[in-house]
């Protein structure tokens, strides 16, 4: 059974259109939130952000290629088969044009995404000299890798541009072996993805932070495994379809599956590229949601306090106490007897009204304790003289 025999349907044009529209929205949203996060932190834009923005333009171009090809029938559907060979038609001619444009754009998009991630690593961990040097080496490798495959694809038929969309049998005999080049490109794409993804992991695990946070940060960086999974699926499609044309003569069907996985890989890579920078946006959303939920709760809240018992955390309900305000009085008048023990202080402390305060970032209430201290100045009569008041606010975490 050939590979094509396993593909029951590839003519779901509506589904492919919906997928590309969704990916366009996701790409625009992720890049927009990335720039918004930079504005929140006032960190300023870096080369990683500029490369991400440039990559998003080419990823949107890939989505436009898939959407346009689907609308015109270049993707989805099947090639006419005569004597177990695809018949050259205008539709196949159009499919080859879209394929050539997609492969050209793809080389630039993938290269820019990898460069954006590398410059982000350098921005975060650039103080480690050995790591910064490794980043520069990988940047040089990626620039060379992306440029080489771009020009190899551009001139795969020399300067005979019309041969790039000639009938498939003519193309395979007069141009560079495109299937071999695509296979090598995907294989090296997977290798470079894995190298870039694992580069910062040793540094993260050397940081002085709780193991739980190390695992969380590592998990964010490991999102690149989704891109790798899409690359492996694309490699499998390429090996199964284009290396066995005798058993898989339907060129348009094979091309459709290959293009779909290529588009998925590029869009997932774009999302993974922006994910590590979106922490401030997530934190702001969390704070806003918490504030909104608090505003609709009844007046008597249920506050959570965290008590540690060994390795367990027990959450108890707490009811807010109220403040009793009394006017301060000097020590001598307060005690009813002359003060003979030297200068001292009288402190009135209590909970302030917590209704206007917000929760701690981790969901634990932060209370404010207000203290008023009255410190008498020295007097020859009672040892203390007039009282001078001072107020201060001391935050305390429960």
Protein backbone atom coordinates (compact mmCIF):
# COMPACT_ATOMS: atom_id res chain seq x y z
CA UNK A 1 0.00 0.00 0.00
CA UNK A 2 1.47 3.34 -1.04
CA UNK A 3 1.62 6.38 1.14
CA UNK A 4 -1.14 8.08 -0.83
CA UNK A 5 -3.46 5.15 -0.19
CA UNK A 6 -3.36 6.12 3.48
CA UNK A 7 -4.59 9.66 2.71
CA UNK A 8 -8.32 9.24 2.42
CA UNK A 9 -9.19 12.92 1.93
CA UNK A 10 -7.10 16.00 1.29
CA UNK A 11 -9.77 18.11 -0.37
CA UNK A 12 -11.13 19.84 2.73
CA UNK A 13 -10.68 23.33 1.31
CA UNK A 14 -12.91 24.96 3.92
CA UNK A 15 -10.92 23.46 6.79
CA UNK A 16 -7.64 24.63 5.27
CA UNK A 17 -9.00 28.15 4.84
CA UNK A 18 -10.12 28.24 8.47
CA UNK A 19 -6.71 27.00 9.58
CA UNK A 20 -4.84 29.73 7.72
CA UNK A 21 -7.15 32.47 9.01
CA UNK A 22 -6.66 31.18 12.56
CA UNK A 23 -2.88 31.11 12.12
CA UNK A 24 -2.87 34.66 10.74
CA UNK A 25 -4.79 35.88 13.80
CA UNK A 26 -2.50 33.97 16.16
CA UNK A 27 0.65 35.38 14.56
CA UNK A 28 -0.59 38.96 14.67
CA UNK A 29 -1.75 38.55 18.28
CA UNK A 30 1.50 36.99 19.51
CA UNK A 31 3.70 39.68 17.96
CA UNK A 32 1.40 42.48 19.16
CA UNK A 33 1.48 41.13 22.72
CA UNK A 34 5.25 40.82 22.51
CA UNK A 35 5.61 44.53 21.76
CA UNK A 36 3.02 45.37 24.43
CA UNK A 37 5.05 43.38 26.97
CA UNK A 38 8.13 45.42 26.09
CA UNK A 39 6.13 48.58 26.67
CA UNK A 40 4.91 47.34 30.06
CA UNK A 41 8.42 46.59 31.27
CA UNK A 42 9.94 49.64 29.57
CA UNK A 43 12.74 47.34 28.46
CA UNK A 44 12.96 48.84 25.00
CA UNK A 45 13.05 46.98 21.72
CA UNK A 46 15.98 44.76 20.85
CA UNK A 47 17.21 42.88 17.82
CA UNK A 48 15.19 39.87 18.95
CA UNK A 49 11.99 41.91 18.65
CA UNK A 50 12.92 43.29 15.24
CA UNK A 51 13.71 39.82 13.91
CA UNK A 52 10.43 38.53 15.35
CA UNK A 53 8.50 41.31 13.61
CA UNK A 54 10.28 40.60 10.31
CA UNK A 55 9.62 36.87 10.68
CA UNK A 56 5.92 37.52 11.28
CA UNK A 57 5.66 39.26 7.90
CA UNK A 58 7.06 36.22 6.11
CA UNK A 59 4.91 33.82 8.16
CA UNK A 60 1.84 35.83 7.16
CA UNK A 61 3.04 35.57 3.56
CA UNK A 62 3.17 31.77 3.96
CA UNK A 63 -0.40 31.79 5.26
CA UNK A 64 -1.41 33.97 2.33
CA UNK A 65 0.22 31.49 -0.05
CA UNK A 66 -1.76 28.60 1.47
CA UNK A 67 -5.00 30.57 1.52
CA UNK A 68 -4.61 31.78 -2.08
CA UNK A 69 -3.58 28.33 -3.32
CA UNK A 70 -6.56 26.74 -1.59
CA UNK A 71 -9.01 29.25 -3.04
CA UNK A 72 -7.66 28.67 -6.55
CA UNK A 73 -7.47 24.89 -6.17
CA UNK A 74 -3.68 24.59 -6.24
CA UNK A 75 -3.88 22.91 -2.82
CA UNK A 76 -6.45 20.28 -1.82
CA UNK A 77 -7.85 17.92 -4.38
CA UNK A 78 -6.11 15.39 -6.60
CA UNK A 79 -4.13 15.16 -9.81
CA UNK A 80 -5.60 13.21 -12.76
CA UNK A 81 -3.82 9.83 -12.99
CA UNK A 82 -3.19 7.99 -16.29
CA UNK A 83 -1.11 4.78 -16.34
CA UNK A 84 -0.12 5.40 -12.70
CA UNK A 85 1.45 8.75 -13.55
CA UNK A 86 0.12 12.28 -12.91
CA UNK A 87 -1.12 14.05 -16.01
CA UNK A 88 0.23 17.55 -16.61
CA UNK A 89 -2.64 19.99 -16.30
CA UNK A 90 -3.07 23.69 -15.73
CA UNK A 91 -3.92 22.94 -12.09
CA UNK A 92 -0.63 21.08 -11.56
CA UNK A 93 1.17 23.94 -13.30
CA UNK A 94 -0.45 26.36 -10.83
CA UNK A 95 0.38 24.10 -7.87
CA UNK A 96 4.07 24.12 -8.78
CA UNK A 97 4.07 27.93 -8.88
CA UNK A 98 2.59 28.12 -5.39
CA UNK A 99 5.03 25.44 -4.20
CA UNK A 100 8.02 27.41 -5.50
CA UNK A 101 6.83 30.61 -3.82
CA UNK A 102 6.13 28.81 -0.54
CA UNK A 103 9.56 27.19 -0.40
CA UNK A 104 11.33 30.48 -1.12
CA UNK A 105 9.43 32.34 1.59
CA UNK A 106 9.80 29.50 4.07
CA UNK A 107 13.61 29.64 4.10
CA UNK A 108 13.56 33.32 5.13
CA UNK A 109 10.78 32.93 7.71
CA UNK A 110 12.39 29.99 9.52
CA UNK A 111 15.80 31.68 9.52
CA UNK A 112 14.42 34.91 11.01
CA UNK A 113 12.56 33.01 13.75
CA UNK A 114 15.73 31.18 14.78
CA UNK A 115 17.69 34.45 14.82
CA UNK A 116 15.03 36.09 16.98
CA UNK A 117 15.29 33.29 19.55
CA UNK A 118 19.10 33.42 19.56
CA UNK A 119 19.15 37.17 20.11
CA UNK A 120 16.59 36.72 22.89
CA UNK A 121 18.89 34.16 24.57
CA UNK A 122 21.77 36.58 24.23
CA UNK A 123 19.66 39.39 25.71
CA UNK A 124 18.71 37.30 28.75
CA UNK A 125 21.93 35.39 29.40
CA UNK A 126 24.43 37.64 27.62
CA UNK A 127 26.39 38.34 30.81
CA UNK A 128 27.77 34.79 30.65
CA UNK A 129 30.65 35.22 28.22
CA UNK A 130 30.87 31.62 27.08
CA UNK A 131 27.14 31.56 26.38
CA UNK A 132 27.28 34.87 24.50
CA UNK A 133 30.07 33.45 22.33
CA UNK A 134 27.99 30.32 21.66
CA UNK A 135 25.08 32.52 20.60
CA UNK A 136 27.24 34.39 18.11
CA UNK A 137 28.51 31.10 16.67
CA UNK A 138 24.95 29.82 16.25
CA UNK A 139 23.87 33.13 14.72
CA UNK A 140 26.58 32.75 12.10
CA UNK A 141 25.54 29.16 11.42
CA UNK A 142 21.86 30.08 11.04
CA UNK A 143 22.58 32.99 8.69
CA UNK A 144 24.74 30.73 6.51
CA UNK A 145 22.24 27.86 6.67
CA UNK A 146 19.19 29.96 5.78
CA UNK A 147 20.95 31.89 3.02
CA UNK A 148 22.37 28.73 1.46
CA UNK A 149 19.02 26.99 1.20
CA UNK A 150 17.32 30.17 0.00
CA UNK A 151 19.68 30.59 -2.95
CA UNK A 152 19.75 26.83 -3.63
CA UNK A 153 15.96 26.93 -3.97
CA UNK A 154 16.01 30.14 -5.98
CA UNK A 155 18.42 28.69 -8.56
CA UNK A 156 17.32 25.04 -8.44
CA UNK A 157 16.69 25.25 -12.18
CA UNK A 158 19.43 27.77 -12.87
CA UNK A 159 18.04 30.90 -14.47
CA UNK A 160 15.39 28.97 -16.39
CA UNK A 161 12.61 30.26 -14.18
CA UNK A 162 9.77 28.63 -16.12
CA UNK A 163 11.24 25.19 -15.42
CA UNK A 164 10.36 25.61 -11.75
CA UNK A 165 6.69 25.07 -12.61
CA UNK A 166 7.15 22.76 -15.60
CA UNK A 167 5.49 19.30 -15.57
CA UNK A 168 6.77 17.25 -12.67
CA UNK A 169 8.59 14.65 -14.82
CA UNK A 170 10.42 17.41 -16.73
CA UNK A 171 11.26 19.22 -13.49
CA UNK A 172 12.76 16.11 -11.89
CA UNK A 173 15.07 15.46 -14.86
CA UNK A 174 16.21 19.02 -15.63
CA UNK A 175 16.49 20.68 -12.20
CA UNK A 176 18.23 19.99 -8.91
CA UNK A 177 16.80 17.04 -7.00
CA UNK A 178 14.30 19.06 -5.00
CA UNK A 179 13.20 16.16 -2.81
CA UNK A 180 16.75 15.51 -1.59
CA UNK A 181 17.31 19.21 -0.89
CA UNK A 182 14.03 19.51 1.01
CA UNK A 183 14.86 16.41 3.06
CA UNK A 184 18.27 17.80 3.98
CA UNK A 185 16.71 21.16 4.84
CA UNK A 186 14.13 19.61 7.18
CA UNK A 187 16.72 17.36 8.86
CA UNK A 188 19.08 20.26 9.57
CA UNK A 189 16.11 22.37 10.64
CA UNK A 190 15.32 19.79 13.34
CA UNK A 191 18.95 19.64 14.49
CA UNK A 192 19.33 23.42 14.78
CA UNK A 193 15.98 23.67 16.60
CA UNK A 194 17.15 21.17 19.21
CA UNK A 195 20.50 22.91 19.66
CA UNK A 196 18.90 26.35 20.09
CA UNK A 197 16.23 24.98 22.41
CA UNK A 198 18.68 23.28 24.79
CA UNK A 199 21.32 26.04 24.82
CA UNK A 200 20.04 27.96 27.89
CA UNK A 201 19.01 24.90 29.95
CA UNK A 202 22.39 24.38 31.72
CA UNK A 203 22.47 28.05 32.75
CA UNK A 204 18.90 27.93 34.07
CA UNK A 205 19.70 24.98 36.32
CA UNK A 206 22.72 26.77 37.74
CA UNK A 207 20.63 29.74 38.88
CA UNK A 208 19.82 30.18 42.56
CA UNK A 209 16.07 29.70 42.40
CA UNK A 210 13.63 27.03 43.65
CA UNK A 211 13.55 23.81 41.66
CA UNK A 212 9.87 24.41 40.90
CA UNK A 213 10.69 27.67 39.12
CA UNK A 214 13.56 26.06 37.23
CA UNK A 215 11.18 23.40 35.95
CA UNK A 216 8.66 26.07 34.94
CA UNK A 217 11.20 28.16 33.01
CA UNK A 218 12.58 25.04 31.35
CA UNK A 219 9.06 24.06 30.34
CA UNK A 220 8.55 27.41 28.60
CA UNK A 221 11.74 26.94 26.60
CA UNK A 222 10.76 23.35 25.78
CA UNK A 223 7.69 24.58 23.89
CA UNK A 224 9.96 24.38 20.87
CA UNK A 225 9.36 20.63 20.91
CA UNK A 226 6.00 21.32 19.25
CA UNK A 227 7.89 22.85 16.32
CA UNK A 228 10.18 19.84 16.22
CA UNK A 229 7.18 17.50 16.17
CA UNK A 230 5.72 19.37 13.18
CA UNK A 231 9.10 19.15 11.42
CA UNK A 232 9.24 15.39 11.95
CA UNK A 233 5.72 15.01 10.54
CA UNK A 234 6.74 17.08 7.52
CA UNK A 235 9.87 14.97 7.03
CA UNK A 236 7.77 11.81 7.12
CA UNK A 237 5.42 13.27 4.51
CA UNK A 238 8.29 14.23 2.24
CA UNK A 239 9.94 10.80 2.47
CA UNK A 240 6.68 8.94 1.95
CA UNK A 241 5.23 10.98 -0.89
CA UNK A 242 7.97 12.43 -3.08
CA UNK A 243 10.47 9.54 -2.94
CA UNK A 244 7.90 6.98 -4.06
CA UNK A 245 6.02 8.54 -6.95
CA UNK A 246 5.23 5.11 -8.39
CA UNK A 247 3.03 4.29 -5.40
CA UNK A 248 2.00 7.90 -4.80
CA UNK A 249 1.30 9.42 -8.22
CA UNK A 250 -1.17 12.04 -6.98
CA UNK A 251 1.15 15.04 -6.90
CA UNK A 252 -1.39 17.64 -5.73
CA UNK A 253 -2.57 15.45 -2.83
CA UNK A 254 1.00 14.81 -1.67
CA UNK A 255 1.90 18.48 -2.04
CA UNK A 256 -1.15 19.54 -0.02
CA UNK A 257 -0.21 17.40 2.97
CA UNK A 258 3.40 18.58 2.79
CA UNK A 259 2.40 22.26 2.61
CA UNK A 260 -0.05 21.91 5.50
CA UNK A 261 2.64 20.52 7.83
CA UNK A 262 5.12 23.15 6.64
CA UNK A 263 2.64 25.92 7.42
CA UNK A 264 1.87 24.43 10.84
CA UNK A 265 5.58 24.30 11.66
CA UNK A 266 6.19 27.94 10.70
CA UNK A 267 3.23 29.26 12.70
CA UNK A 268 3.98 27.18 15.79
CA UNK A 269 7.60 28.35 15.62
CA UNK A 270 6.39 31.96 15.48
CA UNK A 271 4.27 31.43 18.58
CA UNK A 272 7.11 29.69 20.45
CA UNK A 273 9.41 32.57 19.50
CA UNK A 274 7.14 35.07 21.29
CA UNK A 275 6.02 32.99 24.29
CA UNK A 276 9.04 33.62 26.58
CA UNK A 277 8.49 37.40 26.35
CA UNK A 278 4.80 37.43 27.34
CA UNK A 279 5.25 37.09 31.12
CA UNK A 280 4.37 40.75 31.90
CA UNK A 281 1.18 40.49 29.83
CA UNK A 282 0.12 37.32 31.64
CA UNK A 283 0.85 38.95 35.02
CA UNK A 284 -1.20 42.03 34.12
CA UNK A 285 -4.10 39.87 32.96
CA UNK A 286 -3.95 37.87 36.20
CA UNK A 287 -3.95 41.03 38.33
CA UNK A 288 -6.83 42.54 36.37
CA UNK A 289 -8.87 39.36 36.64
CA UNK A 290 -8.20 39.16 40.38
CA UNK A 291 -9.25 42.78 40.87
CA UNK A 292 -12.44 42.22 38.90
CA UNK A 293 -13.34 39.12 40.90
CA UNK A 294 -12.73 40.99 44.15
CA UNK A 295 -15.02 43.80 43.05
CA UNK A 296 -17.96 41.44 42.59
CA UNK A 297 -17.45 39.48 45.82
CA UNK A 298 -19.68 40.20 48.86
CA UNK A 299 -18.47 42.66 51.48
CA UNK A 300 -17.29 39.92 53.83
CA UNK A 301 -14.47 38.29 51.95
CA UNK A 302 -12.96 34.96 52.53
CA UNK A 303 -9.28 35.58 52.81
CA UNK A 304 -6.70 32.88 52.49
CA UNK A 305 -3.81 32.67 54.85
CA UNK A 306 -1.02 30.24 54.32
CA UNK A 307 0.39 28.30 57.23
CA UNK A 308 3.19 25.83 56.83
CA UNK A 309 3.05 22.59 58.75
CA UNK A 310 6.11 20.64 57.75
CA UNK A 311 5.82 20.26 54.01
CA UNK A 312 2.07 20.95 53.96
CA UNK A 313 0.31 24.26 53.45
CA UNK A 314 -2.97 24.76 55.28
CA UNK A 315 -5.41 27.39 54.07
CA UNK A 316 -7.66 28.90 56.72
CA UNK A 317 -10.46 31.42 56.51
CA UNK A 318 -9.83 34.79 58.07
CA UNK A 319 -12.27 37.57 58.87
CA UNK A 320 -11.09 41.11 58.68
CA UNK A 321 -10.70 42.91 62.01
CA UNK A 322 -11.50 46.61 62.28
CA UNK A 323 -9.43 49.51 63.47
CA UNK A 324 -10.29 51.44 66.60
CA UNK A 325 -8.89 54.94 66.37
CA UNK A 326 -8.06 56.72 69.62
CA UNK A 327 -6.39 60.05 70.03
CA UNK A 328 -2.81 59.79 71.32
CA UNK A 329 -1.94 60.96 74.81
CA UNK A 330 1.43 61.66 76.39
CA UNK A 331 2.93 58.93 78.52
CA UNK A 332 2.77 60.91 81.78
CA UNK A 333 -0.95 61.64 81.36
CA UNK A 334 -1.73 58.14 80.10
CA UNK A 335 -0.29 56.35 83.10
CA UNK A 336 -1.66 58.85 85.63
CA UNK A 337 1.69 59.11 87.42
CA UNK A 338 4.85 61.00 86.66
CA UNK A 339 7.17 59.19 84.34
CA UNK A 340 10.38 58.22 86.02
CA UNK A 341 11.77 55.53 83.81
CA UNK A 342 13.32 57.71 81.14
CA UNK A 343 12.03 58.54 77.69
CA UNK A 344 9.86 55.93 76.01
CA UNK A 345 7.30 55.38 73.28
CA UNK A 346 3.64 54.58 73.08
CA UNK A 347 2.61 52.59 70.01
CA UNK A 348 -0.92 52.03 68.74
CA UNK A 349 -1.08 49.34 66.06
CA UNK A 350 -3.84 47.56 64.25
CA UNK A 351 -5.17 46.46 60.88
CA UNK A 352 -6.01 49.19 58.44
CA UNK A 353 -9.07 48.92 56.27
CA UNK A 354 -8.00 46.29 53.77
CA UNK A 355 -10.82 46.91 51.32
CA UNK A 356 -8.65 49.16 49.18
CA UNK A 357 -5.64 46.89 49.24
CA UNK A 358 -4.95 44.25 46.64
CA UNK A 359 -3.94 40.67 46.95
CA UNK A 360 -0.34 39.62 46.93
CA UNK A 361 0.89 38.37 43.60
CA UNK A 362 0.73 34.75 44.74
CA UNK A 363 -2.82 35.09 46.08
CA UNK A 364 -1.82 35.78 49.72
CA UNK A 365 -3.22 38.89 51.34
CA UNK A 366 -0.71 41.58 52.18
CA UNK A 367 -1.82 43.59 55.22
CA UNK A 368 -0.60 47.01 56.21
CA UNK A 369 0.14 47.71 59.84
CA UNK A 370 0.03 51.37 60.78
CA UNK A 371 2.02 52.42 63.79
CA UNK A 372 2.05 55.80 65.46
CA UNK A 373 4.99 56.38 67.71
CA UNK A 374 5.14 59.26 70.20
CA UNK A 375 8.60 59.91 71.43
CA UNK A 376 8.94 62.50 74.24
CA UNK A 377 11.80 64.93 74.24
CA UNK A 378 13.93 65.35 77.35
CA UNK A 379 12.67 67.62 80.15
CA UNK A 380 14.27 68.47 83.49
CA UNK A 381 10.91 68.18 85.32
CA UNK A 382 9.83 64.61 84.60
CA UNK A 383 12.73 63.47 82.51
CA UNK A 384 10.56 63.82 79.42
CA UNK A 385 9.06 66.84 77.77
CA UNK A 386 6.74 67.47 74.86
CA UNK A 387 5.68 64.60 72.64
CA UNK A 388 6.56 64.50 68.95
CA UNK A 389 4.46 62.18 66.83
CA UNK A 390 5.59 60.21 63.81
CA UNK A 391 3.59 57.86 61.63
CA UNK A 392 4.87 55.25 59.25
CA UNK A 393 3.46 52.35 57.25
CA UNK A 394 5.06 48.95 57.41
CA UNK A 395 3.87 46.25 54.98
CA UNK A 396 3.76 42.79 56.40
CA UNK A 397 3.20 39.58 54.45
CA UNK A 398 0.94 37.05 56.04
